Amino acid sequence: MPPTTADPKLLEVLVCPLTKATLRYDAEAQELISDAAQLAFPIRDGIPIMLVDEARPLSDEPKPAPPGQLP
């Protein structure tokens, strides 16, 4: 197995460390995506980096403030 390919068996058992929700694999970006937490966890040299501090937010734009609240 090439080092840039994540182990499919490992990907089946990993969950988001923040929400414990299942993850989806983005092979092109080499990331595990947590839709529940809106985070993308990188895969480096075939190893998923499951640290929230290392994750990339899925949306780079700040979320708008709810109506009636100041931003």
PDB file of N, CA and C in Angstrom:
ATOM      1  N   MET A   1       0.849  -1.185   0.000  1.00  0.00           N
ATOM      2  CA  MET A   1       0.000   0.000   0.000  1.00  0.00           C
ATOM      3  C   MET A   1       0.886   1.236   0.000  1.00  0.00           C
ATOM      4  N   PRO A   2       0.676   2.170  -0.910  1.00  0.00           N
ATOM      5  CA  PRO A   2       1.464   3.401  -0.934  1.00  0.00           C
ATOM      6  C   PRO A   2       1.229   4.212   0.342  1.00  0.00           C
ATOM      7  N   PRO A   3       2.225   4.952   0.811  1.00  0.00           N
ATOM      8  CA  PRO A   3       2.072   5.680   2.063  1.00  0.00           C
ATOM      9  C   PRO A   3       1.043   6.800   2.006  1.00  0.00           C
ATOM     10  N   THR A   4       0.638   7.236   0.811  1.00  0.00           N
ATOM     11  CA  THR A   4      -0.347   8.309   0.722  1.00  0.00           C
ATOM     12  C   THR A   4      -1.773   7.771   0.715  1.00  0.00           C
ATOM     13  N   THR A   5      -1.946   6.456   0.787  1.00  0.00           N
ATOM     14  CA  THR A   5      -3.267   5.858   0.798  1.00  0.00           C
ATOM     15  C   THR A   5      -3.621   5.455   2.217  1.00  0.00           C
ATOM     16  N   ALA A   6      -4.795   5.878   2.677  1.00  0.00           N
ATOM     17  CA  ALA A   6      -5.245   5.516   4.018  1.00  0.00           C
ATOM     18  C   ALA A   6      -5.765   4.078   4.010  1.00  0.00           C
ATOM     19  N   ASP A   7      -5.564   3.373   5.106  1.00  0.00           N
ATOM     20  CA  ASP A   7      -6.014   1.996   5.251  1.00  0.00           C
ATOM     21  C   ASP A   7      -7.540   1.968   5.328  1.00  0.00           C
ATOM     22  N   PRO A   8      -8.222   1.317   4.392  1.00  0.00           N
ATOM     23  CA  PRO A   8      -9.688   1.297   4.389  1.00  0.00           C
ATOM     24  C   PRO A   8     -10.283   0.713   5.679  1.00  0.00           C
ATOM     25  N   LYS A   9      -9.654  -0.298   6.244  1.00  0.00           N
ATOM     26  CA  LYS A   9     -10.153  -0.894   7.491  1.00  0.00           C
ATOM     27  C   LYS A   9     -10.091   0.125   8.628  1.00  0.00           C
ATOM     28  N   LEU A  10      -9.019   0.906   8.671  1.00  0.00           N
ATOM     29  CA  LEU A  10      -8.874   1.925   9.707  1.00  0.00           C
ATOM     30  C   LEU A  10      -9.938   2.998   9.546  1.00  0.00           C
ATOM     31  N   LEU A  11     -10.202   3.393   8.309  1.00  0.00           N
ATOM     32  CA  LEU A  11     -11.196   4.436   8.052  1.00  0.00           C
ATOM     33  C   LEU A  11     -12.592   4.010   8.492  1.00  0.00           C
ATOM     34  N   GLU A  12     -12.865   2.711   8.476  1.00  0.00           N
ATOM     35  CA  GLU A  12     -14.177   2.209   8.879  1.00  0.00           C
ATOM     36  C   GLU A  12     -14.433   2.383  10.375  1.00  0.00           C
ATOM     37  N   VAL A  13     -13.392   2.370  11.188  1.00  0.00           N
ATOM     38  CA  VAL A  13     -13.583   2.415  12.642  1.00  0.00           C
ATOM     39  C   VAL A  13     -13.358   3.797  13.244  1.00  0.00           C
ATOM     40  N   LEU A  14     -12.768   4.708  12.495  1.00  0.00           N
ATOM     41  CA  LEU A  14     -12.518   6.039  13.029  1.00  0.00           C
ATOM     42  C   LEU A  14     -13.808   6.857  13.093  1.00  0.00           C
ATOM     43  N   VAL A  15     -13.908   7.665  14.147  1.00  0.00           N
ATOM     44  CA  VAL A  15     -15.024   8.595  14.296  1.00  0.00           C
ATOM     45  C   VAL A  15     -14.453   9.961  14.649  1.00  0.00           C
ATOM     46  N   CYS A  16     -15.275  10.981  14.540  1.00  0.00           N
ATOM     47  CA  CYS A  16     -14.860  12.332  14.888  1.00  0.00           C
ATOM     48  C   CYS A  16     -14.534  12.385  16.383  1.00  0.00           C
ATOM     49  N   PRO A  17     -13.368  12.892  16.753  1.00  0.00           N
ATOM     50  CA  PRO A  17     -13.019  12.951  18.172  1.00  0.00           C
ATOM     51  C   PRO A  17     -13.863  13.959  18.952  1.00  0.00           C
ATOM     52  N   LEU A  18     -14.498  14.870  18.254  1.00  0.00           N
ATOM     53  CA  LEU A  18     -15.300  15.898  18.913  1.00  0.00           C
ATOM     54  C   LEU A  18     -16.751  15.447  19.113  1.00  0.00           C
ATOM     55  N   THR A  19     -17.350  14.898  18.046  1.00  0.00           N
ATOM     56  CA  THR A  19     -18.776  14.554  18.082  1.00  0.00           C
ATOM     57  C   THR A  19     -19.048  13.056  18.128  1.00  0.00           C
ATOM     58  N   LYS A  20     -18.044  12.246  17.866  1.00  0.00           N
ATOM     59  CA  LYS A  20     -18.165  10.778  17.769  1.00  0.00           C
ATOM     60  C   LYS A  20     -19.008  10.338  16.577  1.00  0.00           C
ATOM     61  N   ALA A  21     -19.259  11.251  15.649  1.00  0.00           N
ATOM     62  CA  ALA A  21     -20.019  10.939  14.438  1.00  0.00           C
ATOM     63  C   ALA A  21     -19.109  10.255  13.419  1.00  0.00           C
ATOM     64  N   THR A  22     -19.716   9.559  12.470  1.00  0.00           N
ATOM     65  CA  THR A  22     -18.934   8.907  11.420  1.00  0.00           C
ATOM     66  C   THR A  22     -18.287   9.965  10.527  1.00  0.00           C
ATOM     67  N   LEU A  23     -17.232   9.551   9.847  1.00  0.00           N
ATOM     68  CA  LEU A  23     -16.474  10.438   8.973  1.00  0.00           C
ATOM     69  C   LEU A  23     -16.613   9.969   7.538  1.00  0.00           C
ATOM     70  N   ARG A  24     -16.442  10.883   6.604  1.00  0.00           N
ATOM     71  CA  ARG A  24     -16.378  10.486   5.195  1.00  0.00           C
ATOM     72  C   ARG A  24     -14.984  10.816   4.676  1.00  0.00           C
ATOM     73  N   TYR A  25     -14.534   9.996   3.770  1.00  0.00           N
ATOM     74  CA  TYR A  25     -13.170  10.087   3.243  1.00  0.00           C
ATOM     75  C   TYR A  25     -13.159  10.864   1.944  1.00  0.00           C
ATOM     76  N   ASP A  26     -12.352  11.908   1.898  1.00  0.00           N
ATOM     77  CA  ASP A  26     -12.128  12.673   0.670  1.00  0.00           C
ATOM     78  C   ASP A  26     -10.748  12.285   0.155  1.00  0.00           C
ATOM     79  N   ALA A  27     -10.721  11.350  -0.801  1.00  0.00           N
ATOM     80  CA  ALA A  27      -9.452  10.813  -1.305  1.00  0.00           C
ATOM     81  C   ALA A  27      -8.628  11.876  -2.022  1.00  0.00           C
ATOM     82  N   GLU A  28      -9.286  12.765  -2.750  1.00  0.00           N
ATOM     83  CA  GLU A  28      -8.560  13.787  -3.504  1.00  0.00           C
ATOM     84  C   GLU A  28      -7.837  14.761  -2.568  1.00  0.00           C
ATOM     85  N   ALA A  29      -8.509  15.191  -1.509  1.00  0.00           N
ATOM     86  CA  ALA A  29      -7.910  16.139  -0.566  1.00  0.00           C
ATOM     87  C   ALA A  29      -7.125  15.444   0.539  1.00  0.00           C
ATOM     88  N   GLN A  30      -7.219  14.098   0.604  1.00  0.00           N
ATOM     89  CA  GLN A  30      -6.586  13.327   1.671  1.00  0.00           C
ATOM     90  C   GLN A  30      -7.016  13.862   3.041  1.00  0.00           C
ATOM     91  N   GLU A  31      -8.344  13.870   3.241  1.00  0.00           N
ATOM     92  CA  GLU A  31      -8.927  14.340   4.490  1.00  0.00           C
ATOM     93  C   GLU A  31     -10.085  13.442   4.900  1.00  0.00           C
ATOM     94  N   LEU A  32     -10.311  13.387   6.206  1.00  0.00           N
ATOM     95  CA  LEU A  32     -11.509  12.768   6.753  1.00  0.00           C
ATOM     96  C   LEU A  32     -12.425  13.905   7.171  1.00  0.00           C
ATOM     97  N   ILE A  33     -13.651  13.881   6.680  1.00  0.00           N
ATOM     98  CA  ILE A  33     -14.590  14.981   6.883  1.00  0.00           C
ATOM     99  C   ILE A  33     -15.608  14.608   7.955  1.00  0.00           C
ATOM    100  N   SER A  34     -15.748  15.490   8.942  1.00  0.00           N
ATOM    101  CA  SER A  34     -16.811  15.370   9.939  1.00  0.00           C
ATOM    102  C   SER A  34     -17.856  16.419   9.608  1.00  0.00           C
ATOM    103  N   ASP A  35     -18.973  15.962   9.028  1.00  0.00           N
ATOM    104  CA  ASP A  35     -20.051  16.897   8.708  1.00  0.00           C
ATOM    105  C   ASP A  35     -20.684  17.441   9.987  1.00  0.00           C
ATOM    106  N   ALA A  36     -20.727  16.625  11.039  1.00  0.00           N
ATOM    107  CA  ALA A  36     -21.337  17.053  12.296  1.00  0.00           C
ATOM    108  C   ALA A  36     -20.557  18.196  12.937  1.00  0.00           C
ATOM    109  N   ALA A  37     -19.220  18.122  12.908  1.00  0.00           N
ATOM    110  CA  ALA A  37     -18.384  19.156  13.521  1.00  0.00           C
ATOM    111  C   ALA A  37     -17.942  20.217  12.517  1.00  0.00           C
ATOM    112  N   GLN A  38     -18.225  19.987  11.228  1.00  0.00           N
ATOM    113  CA  GLN A  38     -17.798  20.900  10.162  1.00  0.00           C
ATOM    114  C   GLN A  38     -16.276  21.071  10.157  1.00  0.00           C
ATOM    115  N   LEU A  39     -15.568  19.919  10.312  1.00  0.00           N
ATOM    116  CA  LEU A  39     -14.110  19.912  10.319  1.00  0.00           C
ATOM    117  C   LEU A  39     -13.587  18.885   9.329  1.00  0.00           C
ATOM    118  N   ALA A  40     -12.393  19.150   8.802  1.00  0.00           N
ATOM    119  CA  ALA A  40     -11.697  18.219   7.913  1.00  0.00           C
ATOM    120  C   ALA A  40     -10.372  17.856   8.567  1.00  0.00           C
ATOM    121  N   PHE A  41     -10.190  16.567   8.869  1.00  0.00           N
ATOM    122  CA  PHE A  41      -8.970  16.081   9.504  1.00  0.00           C
ATOM    123  C   PHE A  41      -8.005  15.598   8.420  1.00  0.00           C
ATOM    124  N   PRO A  42      -6.762  16.082   8.437  1.00  0.00           N
ATOM    125  CA  PRO A  42      -5.813  15.710   7.382  1.00  0.00           C
ATOM    126  C   PRO A  42      -5.324  14.267   7.523  1.00  0.00           C
ATOM    127  N   ILE A  43      -4.926  13.702   6.394  1.00  0.00           N
ATOM    128  CA  ILE A  43      -4.249  12.403   6.374  1.00  0.00           C
ATOM    129  C   ILE A  43      -2.859  12.670   5.831  1.00  0.00           C
ATOM    130  N   ARG A  44      -1.843  12.420   6.646  1.00  0.00           N
ATOM    131  CA  ARG A  44      -0.454  12.673   6.247  1.00  0.00           C
ATOM    132  C   ARG A  44       0.312  11.360   6.207  1.00  0.00           C
ATOM    133  N   ASP A  45       0.901  11.065   5.067  1.00  0.00           N
ATOM    134  CA  ASP A  45       1.658   9.823   4.868  1.00  0.00           C
ATOM    135  C   ASP A  45       0.824   8.597   5.245  1.00  0.00           C
ATOM    136  N   GLY A  46      -0.473   8.642   4.920  1.00  0.00           N
ATOM    137  CA  GLY A  46      -1.362   7.522   5.185  1.00  0.00           C
ATOM    138  C   GLY A  46      -1.872   7.450   6.612  1.00  0.00           C
ATOM    139  N   ILE A  47      -1.529   8.429   7.464  1.00  0.00           N
ATOM    140  CA  ILE A  47      -1.934   8.410   8.869  1.00  0.00           C
ATOM    141  C   ILE A  47      -2.934   9.535   9.124  1.00  0.00           C
ATOM    142  N   PRO A  48      -4.163   9.184   9.547  1.00  0.00           N
ATOM    143  CA  PRO A  48      -5.133  10.223   9.873  1.00  0.00           C
ATOM    144  C   PRO A  48      -4.696  10.987  11.126  1.00  0.00           C
ATOM    145  N   ILE A  49      -4.716  12.294  11.054  1.00  0.00           N
ATOM    146  CA  ILE A  49      -4.362  13.151  12.184  1.00  0.00           C
ATOM    147  C   ILE A  49      -5.682  13.576  12.834  1.00  0.00           C
ATOM    148  N   MET A  50      -6.050  12.894  13.905  1.00  0.00           N
ATOM    149  CA  MET A  50      -7.363  13.081  14.517  1.00  0.00           C
ATOM    150  C   MET A  50      -7.323  14.055  15.691  1.00  0.00           C
ATOM    151  N   LEU A  51      -6.616  15.149  15.515  1.00  0.00           N
ATOM    152  CA  LEU A  51      -6.525  16.189  16.533  1.00  0.00           C
ATOM    153  C   LEU A  51      -7.360  17.380  16.083  1.00  0.00           C
ATOM    154  N   VAL A  52      -8.242  17.850  16.952  1.00  0.00           N
ATOM    155  CA  VAL A  52      -9.105  18.971  16.610  1.00  0.00           C
ATOM    156  C   VAL A  52      -8.265  20.198  16.254  1.00  0.00           C
ATOM    157  N   ASP A  53      -7.138  20.383  16.948  1.00  0.00           N
ATOM    158  CA  ASP A  53      -6.267  21.528  16.668  1.00  0.00           C
ATOM    159  C   ASP A  53      -5.644  21.475  15.273  1.00  0.00           C
ATOM    160  N   GLU A  54      -5.542  20.288  14.693  1.00  0.00           N
ATOM    161  CA  GLU A  54      -4.956  20.126  13.362  1.00  0.00           C
ATOM    162  C   GLU A  54      -6.019  20.152  12.260  1.00  0.00           C
ATOM    163  N   ALA A  55      -7.285  20.102  12.641  1.00  0.00           N
ATOM    164  CA  ALA A  55      -8.377  20.045  11.659  1.00  0.00           C
ATOM    165  C   ALA A  55      -8.604  21.411  11.018  1.00  0.00           C
ATOM    166  N   ARG A  56      -9.094  21.338   9.796  1.00  0.00           N
ATOM    167  CA  ARG A  56      -9.424  22.543   9.032  1.00  0.00           C
ATOM    168  C   ARG A  56     -10.933  22.747   9.078  1.00  0.00           C
ATOM    169  N   PRO A  57     -11.383  23.982   9.406  1.00  0.00           N
ATOM    170  CA  PRO A  57     -12.834  24.232   9.353  1.00  0.00           C
ATOM    171  C   PRO A  57     -13.331  24.094   7.916  1.00  0.00           C
ATOM    172  N   LEU A  58     -14.496  23.518   7.738  1.00  0.00           N
ATOM    173  CA  LEU A  58     -15.046  23.354   6.394  1.00  0.00           C
ATOM    174  C   LEU A  58     -15.471  24.682   5.790  1.00  0.00           C
ATOM    175  N   SER A  59     -15.880  25.611   6.616  1.00  0.00           N
ATOM    176  CA  SER A  59     -16.270  26.927   6.122  1.00  0.00           C
ATOM    177  C   SER A  59     -15.290  27.955   6.658  1.00  0.00           C
ATOM    178  N   ASP A  60     -14.611  28.654   5.744  1.00  0.00           N
ATOM    179  CA  ASP A  60     -13.662  29.680   6.152  1.00  0.00           C
ATOM    180  C   ASP A  60     -14.364  31.000   6.464  1.00  0.00           C
ATOM    181  N   GLU A  61     -15.632  31.101   6.067  1.00  0.00           N
ATOM    182  CA  GLU A  61     -16.372  32.330   6.311  1.00  0.00           C
ATOM    183  C   GLU A  61     -17.019  32.260   7.684  1.00  0.00           C
ATOM    184  N   PRO A  62     -17.005  33.374   8.432  1.00  0.00           N
ATOM    185  CA  PRO A  62     -17.690  33.360   9.721  1.00  0.00           C
ATOM    186  C   PRO A  62     -19.192  33.207   9.522  1.00  0.00           C
ATOM    187  N   LYS A  63     -19.819  32.490  10.450  1.00  0.00           N
ATOM    188  CA  LYS A  63     -21.259  32.292  10.351  1.00  0.00           C
ATOM    189  C   LYS A  63     -21.962  33.583  10.727  1.00  0.00           C
ATOM    190  N   PRO A  64     -23.051  33.910  10.039  1.00  0.00           N
ATOM    191  CA  PRO A  64     -23.772  35.139  10.377  1.00  0.00           C
ATOM    192  C   PRO A  64     -24.401  35.018  11.758  1.00  0.00           C
ATOM    193  N   ALA A  65     -24.497  36.149  12.457  1.00  0.00           N
ATOM    194  CA  ALA A  65     -25.128  36.182  13.776  1.00  0.00           C
ATOM    195  C   ALA A  65     -26.621  35.911  13.623  1.00  0.00           C
ATOM    196  N   PRO A  66     -27.220  35.210  14.588  1.00  0.00           N
ATOM    197  CA  PRO A  66     -28.666  34.989  14.523  1.00  0.00           C
ATOM    198  C   PRO A  66     -29.402  36.330  14.553  1.00  0.00           C
ATOM    199  N   PRO A  67     -30.602  36.395  13.985  1.00  0.00           N
ATOM    200  CA  PRO A  67     -31.360  37.641  13.984  1.00  0.00           C
ATOM    201  C   PRO A  67     -31.551  38.184  15.407  1.00  0.00           C
ATOM    202  N   GLY A  68     -31.393  39.480  15.549  1.00  0.00           N
ATOM    203  CA  GLY A  68     -31.571  40.108  16.846  1.00  0.00           C
ATOM    204  C   GLY A  68     -30.306  40.155  17.687  1.00  0.00           C
ATOM    205  N   GLN A  69     -29.200  39.598  17.203  1.00  0.00           N
ATOM    206  CA  GLN A  69     -27.941  39.631  17.936  1.00  0.00           C
ATOM    207  C   GLN A  69     -26.909  40.384  17.116  1.00  0.00           C
ATOM    208  N   LEU A  70     -26.059  41.097  17.819  1.00  0.00           N
ATOM    209  CA  LEU A  70     -24.973  41.807  17.131  1.00  0.00           C
ATOM    210  C   LEU A  70     -23.881  40.826  16.764  1.00  0.00           C
ATOM    211  N   PRO A  71     -23.209  41.036  15.633  1.00  0.00           N
ATOM    212  CA  PRO A  71     -22.124  40.114  15.232  1.00  0.00           C
ATOM    213  C   PRO A  71     -20.933  40.212  16.154  1.00  0.00           C
TER     214      PRO A  71
END
